[in-house]
Amino acid sequence: QVQLVESGGGLVQPGGSLRLSCAVSGITFSSYGLNWYRQAPGKEREFVARISSAGDPIYAVSVKGRFTISRDNVKKMLYLQMNSLKPEDTAVYYCNLPYLGLWGQGTQVTVSS
């Protein structure tokens, strides 16, 4: 059974940082690309970042230069380092395994003073 479990969300002030984690189990982790998505209140879920099985990243324009996606194939972990956070980054962040169409339960990130 494949599972994706996010953690690391919370409340942070504008300009602050957070690191999200996604623990993945039940698959050969190193073989698959993974995504981060987010969904703000009243908005559709949107793409944030992707990392290929080889570790190559792609970012949404809105987060490029501020967020960094990474993976640890030994620990089977996906990460999203978020710096220079803005109020508009407030959302529930989801880990996604596109090959199987699976999603985690999400973790709330709130950027507010």
N, C-alpha and C. Protein backbone atom coordinates (compact mmCIF):
# COMPACT_ATOMS: atom_id res chain seq x y z
N GLN A 1 0.85 -1.19 0.00
CA GLN A 1 0.00 0.00 0.00
C GLN A 1 0.88 1.24 0.00
N VAL A 2 0.67 2.09 -1.00
CA VAL A 2 1.47 3.30 -1.13
C VAL A 2 0.86 4.40 -0.27
N GLN A 3 1.70 5.07 0.49
CA GLN A 3 1.24 6.17 1.32
C GLN A 3 2.16 7.37 1.17
N LEU A 4 1.55 8.56 1.20
CA LEU A 4 2.28 9.82 1.20
C LEU A 4 1.78 10.62 2.41
N VAL A 5 2.70 11.01 3.28
CA VAL A 5 2.33 11.70 4.51
C VAL A 5 3.15 12.97 4.65
N GLU A 6 2.46 14.11 4.54
CA GLU A 6 3.13 15.41 4.65
C GLU A 6 3.25 15.85 6.11
N SER A 7 4.24 16.69 6.37
CA SER A 7 4.41 17.31 7.66
C SER A 7 5.21 18.60 7.50
N GLY A 8 5.24 19.40 8.56
CA GLY A 8 6.08 20.59 8.54
C GLY A 8 5.36 21.91 8.35
N GLY A 9 4.06 21.86 8.14
CA GLY A 9 3.32 23.10 7.97
C GLY A 9 3.19 23.87 9.28
N GLY A 10 2.66 25.08 9.19
CA GLY A 10 2.49 25.87 10.39
C GLY A 10 2.23 27.33 10.06
N LEU A 11 2.31 28.15 11.11
CA LEU A 11 2.11 29.59 10.97
C LEU A 11 3.47 30.28 10.97
N VAL A 12 3.70 31.13 9.99
CA VAL A 12 4.97 31.83 9.87
C VAL A 12 4.70 33.27 9.44
N GLN A 13 5.57 34.17 9.85
CA GLN A 13 5.42 35.58 9.46
C GLN A 13 5.92 35.78 8.04
N PRO A 14 5.42 36.81 7.38
CA PRO A 14 5.93 37.14 6.04
C PRO A 14 7.45 37.31 6.08
N GLY A 15 8.10 36.75 5.06
CA GLY A 15 9.55 36.77 5.01
C GLY A 15 10.21 35.58 5.67
N GLY A 16 9.43 34.79 6.39
CA GLY A 16 9.97 33.64 7.09
C GLY A 16 10.15 32.42 6.20
N SER A 17 10.55 31.33 6.85
CA SER A 17 10.83 30.08 6.12
C SER A 17 10.15 28.90 6.81
N LEU A 18 9.86 27.89 6.00
CA LEU A 18 9.38 26.61 6.48
C LEU A 18 9.93 25.53 5.57
N ARG A 19 10.09 24.33 6.13
CA ARG A 19 10.44 23.18 5.30
C ARG A 19 9.37 22.12 5.45
N LEU A 20 8.75 21.78 4.34
CA LEU A 20 7.75 20.71 4.31
C LEU A 20 8.44 19.39 3.98
N SER A 21 7.89 18.33 4.56
CA SER A 21 8.39 16.99 4.28
C SER A 21 7.24 16.09 3.84
N CYS A 22 7.57 15.11 3.02
CA CYS A 22 6.59 14.11 2.60
C CYS A 22 7.26 12.75 2.68
N ALA A 23 6.76 11.91 3.58
CA ALA A 23 7.28 10.55 3.73
C ALA A 23 6.50 9.64 2.80
N VAL A 24 7.23 8.90 1.96
CA VAL A 24 6.60 8.03 0.96
C VAL A 24 6.95 6.59 1.27
N SER A 25 5.95 5.73 1.28
CA SER A 25 6.18 4.32 1.55
C SER A 25 5.41 3.47 0.55
N GLY A 26 5.88 2.23 0.38
CA GLY A 26 5.16 1.28 -0.44
C GLY A 26 5.54 1.25 -1.91
N ILE A 27 6.57 2.03 -2.30
CA ILE A 27 7.02 2.03 -3.69
C ILE A 27 8.54 2.07 -3.73
N THR A 28 9.09 1.81 -4.92
CA THR A 28 10.52 2.01 -5.14
C THR A 28 10.71 3.50 -5.37
N PHE A 29 10.94 4.20 -4.28
CA PHE A 29 10.88 5.66 -4.25
C PHE A 29 11.74 6.30 -5.34
N SER A 30 12.94 5.81 -5.53
CA SER A 30 13.90 6.45 -6.43
C SER A 30 13.47 6.41 -7.89
N SER A 31 12.48 5.60 -8.23
CA SER A 31 12.08 5.43 -9.63
C SER A 31 11.09 6.46 -10.12
N TYR A 32 10.54 7.28 -9.24
CA TYR A 32 9.40 8.13 -9.61
C TYR A 32 9.65 9.61 -9.38
N GLY A 33 9.09 10.40 -10.32
CA GLY A 33 9.01 11.82 -10.08
C GLY A 33 7.91 12.14 -9.10
N LEU A 34 8.05 13.27 -8.42
CA LEU A 34 7.08 13.68 -7.40
C LEU A 34 6.81 15.17 -7.51
N ASN A 35 5.64 15.56 -7.08
CA ASN A 35 5.21 16.95 -7.16
C ASN A 35 4.78 17.49 -5.81
N TRP A 36 4.86 18.80 -5.68
CA TRP A 36 4.15 19.54 -4.64
C TRP A 36 3.09 20.41 -5.33
N TYR A 37 1.89 20.37 -4.76
CA TYR A 37 0.80 21.24 -5.17
C TYR A 37 0.31 22.00 -3.94
N ARG A 38 -0.49 23.02 -4.17
CA ARG A 38 -1.11 23.73 -3.05
C ARG A 38 -2.50 24.20 -3.45
N GLN A 39 -3.33 24.38 -2.43
CA GLN A 39 -4.69 24.86 -2.65
C GLN A 39 -5.04 25.89 -1.59
N ALA A 40 -5.25 27.12 -2.05
CA ALA A 40 -5.65 28.21 -1.17
C ALA A 40 -7.17 28.21 -1.03
N PRO A 41 -7.68 28.81 0.03
CA PRO A 41 -9.14 28.85 0.23
C PRO A 41 -9.84 29.48 -0.95
N GLY A 42 -10.86 28.79 -1.48
CA GLY A 42 -11.64 29.32 -2.57
C GLY A 42 -10.98 29.25 -3.93
N LYS A 43 -9.82 28.61 -4.00
CA LYS A 43 -9.09 28.52 -5.27
C LYS A 43 -8.86 27.07 -5.66
N GLU A 44 -8.53 26.88 -6.93
CA GLU A 44 -8.22 25.55 -7.41
C GLU A 44 -6.81 25.13 -6.96
N ARG A 45 -6.62 23.83 -6.89
CA ARG A 45 -5.29 23.32 -6.57
C ARG A 45 -4.32 23.70 -7.68
N GLU A 46 -3.12 24.15 -7.31
CA GLU A 46 -2.16 24.59 -8.31
C GLU A 46 -0.80 23.94 -8.11
N PHE A 47 -0.11 23.77 -9.21
CA PHE A 47 1.22 23.18 -9.22
C PHE A 47 2.21 24.12 -8.55
N VAL A 48 3.09 23.55 -7.73
CA VAL A 48 4.14 24.33 -7.08
C VAL A 48 5.52 23.95 -7.61
N ALA A 49 5.83 22.65 -7.56
CA ALA A 49 7.17 22.21 -7.97
C ALA A 49 7.14 20.72 -8.27
N ARG A 50 8.10 20.31 -9.09
CA ARG A 50 8.26 18.90 -9.44
C ARG A 50 9.72 18.54 -9.39
N ILE A 51 9.98 17.31 -8.99
CA ILE A 51 11.34 16.79 -9.06
C ILE A 51 11.30 15.44 -9.75
N SER A 52 12.15 15.26 -10.74
CA SER A 52 12.19 14.00 -11.48
C SER A 52 12.89 12.92 -10.67
N SER A 53 12.85 11.70 -11.18
CA SER A 53 13.55 10.60 -10.50
C SER A 53 15.06 10.87 -10.49
N ALA A 54 15.54 11.64 -11.45
CA ALA A 54 16.97 11.97 -11.52
C ALA A 54 17.31 13.19 -10.67
N GLY A 55 16.29 13.81 -10.08
CA GLY A 55 16.54 14.96 -9.21
C GLY A 55 16.46 16.31 -9.90
N ASP A 56 15.95 16.36 -11.11
CA ASP A 56 15.84 17.63 -11.83
C ASP A 56 14.56 18.36 -11.41
N PRO A 57 14.66 19.62 -11.00
CA PRO A 57 13.50 20.34 -10.51
C PRO A 57 12.83 21.24 -11.57
N ILE A 58 11.56 21.45 -11.38
CA ILE A 58 10.79 22.43 -12.15
C ILE A 58 9.93 23.18 -11.14
N TYR A 59 9.80 24.50 -11.34
CA TYR A 59 9.05 25.33 -10.40
C TYR A 59 7.98 26.16 -11.10
N ALA A 60 6.92 26.41 -10.37
CA ALA A 60 5.95 27.40 -10.83
C ALA A 60 6.62 28.78 -10.78
N VAL A 61 6.20 29.65 -11.67
CA VAL A 61 6.79 30.99 -11.73
C VAL A 61 6.64 31.72 -10.40
N SER A 62 5.53 31.49 -9.74
CA SER A 62 5.22 32.22 -8.50
C SER A 62 6.15 31.88 -7.34
N VAL A 63 6.84 30.73 -7.42
CA VAL A 63 7.70 30.32 -6.30
C VAL A 63 9.17 30.21 -6.70
N LYS A 64 9.47 30.34 -7.98
CA LYS A 64 10.83 30.18 -8.45
C LYS A 64 11.75 31.20 -7.79
N GLY A 65 12.87 30.71 -7.28
CA GLY A 65 13.82 31.57 -6.59
C GLY A 65 13.58 31.67 -5.10
N ARG A 66 12.42 31.20 -4.64
CA ARG A 66 12.10 31.24 -3.21
C ARG A 66 11.97 29.83 -2.63
N PHE A 67 11.46 28.89 -3.41
CA PHE A 67 11.24 27.53 -2.96
C PHE A 67 12.27 26.59 -3.59
N THR A 68 12.63 25.54 -2.85
CA THR A 68 13.52 24.52 -3.37
C THR A 68 12.96 23.14 -3.07
N ILE A 69 12.77 22.36 -4.12
CA ILE A 69 12.31 20.98 -3.96
C ILE A 69 13.52 20.06 -3.96
N SER A 70 13.47 19.04 -3.11
CA SER A 70 14.57 18.08 -3.05
C SER A 70 14.03 16.73 -2.60
N ARG A 71 14.87 15.73 -2.73
CA ARG A 71 14.48 14.38 -2.34
C ARG A 71 15.64 13.64 -1.73
N ASP A 72 15.34 12.70 -0.85
CA ASP A 72 16.33 11.82 -0.25
C ASP A 72 15.88 10.39 -0.55
N ASN A 73 16.54 9.76 -1.51
CA ASN A 73 16.10 8.44 -1.95
C ASN A 73 16.37 7.35 -0.93
N VAL A 74 17.31 7.58 -0.03
CA VAL A 74 17.58 6.59 1.01
C VAL A 74 16.48 6.63 2.06
N LYS A 75 16.11 7.84 2.48
CA LYS A 75 15.07 7.99 3.50
C LYS A 75 13.67 7.94 2.91
N LYS A 76 13.57 7.95 1.58
CA LYS A 76 12.26 7.98 0.91
C LYS A 76 11.46 9.22 1.34
N MET A 77 12.12 10.36 1.26
CA MET A 77 11.52 11.61 1.67
C MET A 77 11.57 12.63 0.55
N LEU A 78 10.50 13.40 0.44
CA LEU A 78 10.42 14.55 -0.46
C LEU A 78 10.35 15.79 0.42
N TYR A 79 11.03 16.87 -0.02
CA TYR A 79 11.08 18.10 0.78
C TYR A 79 10.70 19.30 -0.08
N LEU A 80 10.22 20.33 0.61
CA LEU A 80 10.02 21.62 -0.03
C LEU A 80 10.50 22.69 0.95
N GLN A 81 11.64 23.29 0.65
CA GLN A 81 12.16 24.39 1.45
C GLN A 81 11.55 25.67 0.92
N MET A 82 10.86 26.39 1.79
CA MET A 82 10.14 27.60 1.39
C MET A 82 10.74 28.80 2.12
N ASN A 83 11.32 29.71 1.37
CA ASN A 83 11.92 30.92 1.94
C ASN A 83 11.18 32.16 1.45
N SER A 84 11.41 33.27 2.11
CA SER A 84 10.79 34.54 1.73
C SER A 84 9.29 34.38 1.53
N LEU A 85 8.66 33.75 2.49
CA LEU A 85 7.24 33.45 2.36
C LEU A 85 6.39 34.71 2.35
N LYS A 86 5.32 34.65 1.55
CA LYS A 86 4.40 35.76 1.39
C LYS A 86 2.99 35.34 1.84
N PRO A 87 2.14 36.27 2.20
CA PRO A 87 0.77 35.89 2.58
C PRO A 87 0.07 35.08 1.48
N GLU A 88 0.38 35.37 0.23
CA GLU A 88 -0.26 34.63 -0.86
C GLU A 88 0.23 33.19 -0.99
N ASP A 89 1.22 32.81 -0.21
CA ASP A 89 1.65 31.40 -0.17
C ASP A 89 0.78 30.58 0.79
N THR A 90 -0.12 31.24 1.50
CA THR A 90 -1.01 30.54 2.42
C THR A 90 -1.87 29.55 1.67
N ALA A 91 -1.82 28.28 2.08
CA ALA A 91 -2.54 27.22 1.38
C ALA A 91 -2.32 25.90 2.12
N VAL A 92 -3.08 24.91 1.71
CA VAL A 92 -2.78 23.53 2.09
C VAL A 92 -1.85 22.98 1.02
N TYR A 93 -0.73 22.43 1.45
CA TYR A 93 0.28 21.90 0.53
C TYR A 93 0.18 20.39 0.49
N TYR A 94 0.20 19.85 -0.75
CA TYR A 94 0.02 18.42 -0.96
C TYR A 94 1.22 17.84 -1.71
N CYS A 95 1.61 16.67 -1.27
CA CYS A 95 2.59 15.85 -1.97
C CYS A 95 1.83 14.96 -2.96
N ASN A 96 2.37 14.81 -4.18
CA ASN A 96 1.68 14.07 -5.23
C ASN A 96 2.62 13.11 -5.94
N LEU A 97 2.15 11.89 -6.13
CA LEU A 97 2.87 10.89 -6.93
C LEU A 97 2.09 10.72 -8.23
N PRO A 98 2.47 11.42 -9.28
CA PRO A 98 1.64 11.46 -10.49
C PRO A 98 1.52 10.11 -11.20
N TYR A 99 2.52 9.26 -11.11
CA TYR A 99 2.49 7.98 -11.84
C TYR A 99 1.31 7.13 -11.40
N LEU A 100 0.97 7.23 -10.09
CA LEU A 100 -0.15 6.45 -9.56
C LEU A 100 -1.35 7.33 -9.22
N GLY A 101 -1.24 8.61 -9.46
CA GLY A 101 -2.34 9.51 -9.17
C GLY A 101 -2.68 9.61 -7.70
N LEU A 102 -1.64 9.52 -6.85
CA LEU A 102 -1.87 9.53 -5.41
C LEU A 102 -1.50 10.87 -4.78
N TRP A 103 -2.22 11.20 -3.71
CA TRP A 103 -2.01 12.44 -2.98
C TRP A 103 -1.89 12.17 -1.49
N GLY A 104 -1.13 13.01 -0.80
CA GLY A 104 -1.12 12.98 0.64
C GLY A 104 -2.34 13.71 1.19
N GLN A 105 -2.40 13.79 2.53
CA GLN A 105 -3.55 14.42 3.17
C GLN A 105 -3.42 15.93 3.24
N GLY A 106 -2.23 16.44 3.00
CA GLY A 106 -1.99 17.88 3.01
C GLY A 106 -1.50 18.39 4.34
N THR A 107 -0.80 19.52 4.29
CA THR A 107 -0.34 20.20 5.49
C THR A 107 -0.57 21.69 5.30
N GLN A 108 -1.12 22.34 6.33
CA GLN A 108 -1.51 23.75 6.23
C GLN A 108 -0.31 24.65 6.45
N VAL A 109 -0.15 25.61 5.54
CA VAL A 109 0.85 26.66 5.69
C VAL A 109 0.10 27.99 5.72
N THR A 110 0.33 28.76 6.78
CA THR A 110 -0.30 30.06 6.92
C THR A 110 0.79 31.11 7.11
N VAL A 111 0.79 32.10 6.23
CA VAL A 111 1.76 33.19 6.29
C VAL A 111 1.02 34.46 6.68
N SER A 112 1.28 34.91 7.89
CA SER A 112 0.54 36.05 8.42
C SER A 112 1.32 36.70 9.55
N SER A 113 1.15 38.01 9.67
CA SER A 113 1.77 38.72 10.78
C SER A 113 0.79 38.84 11.94
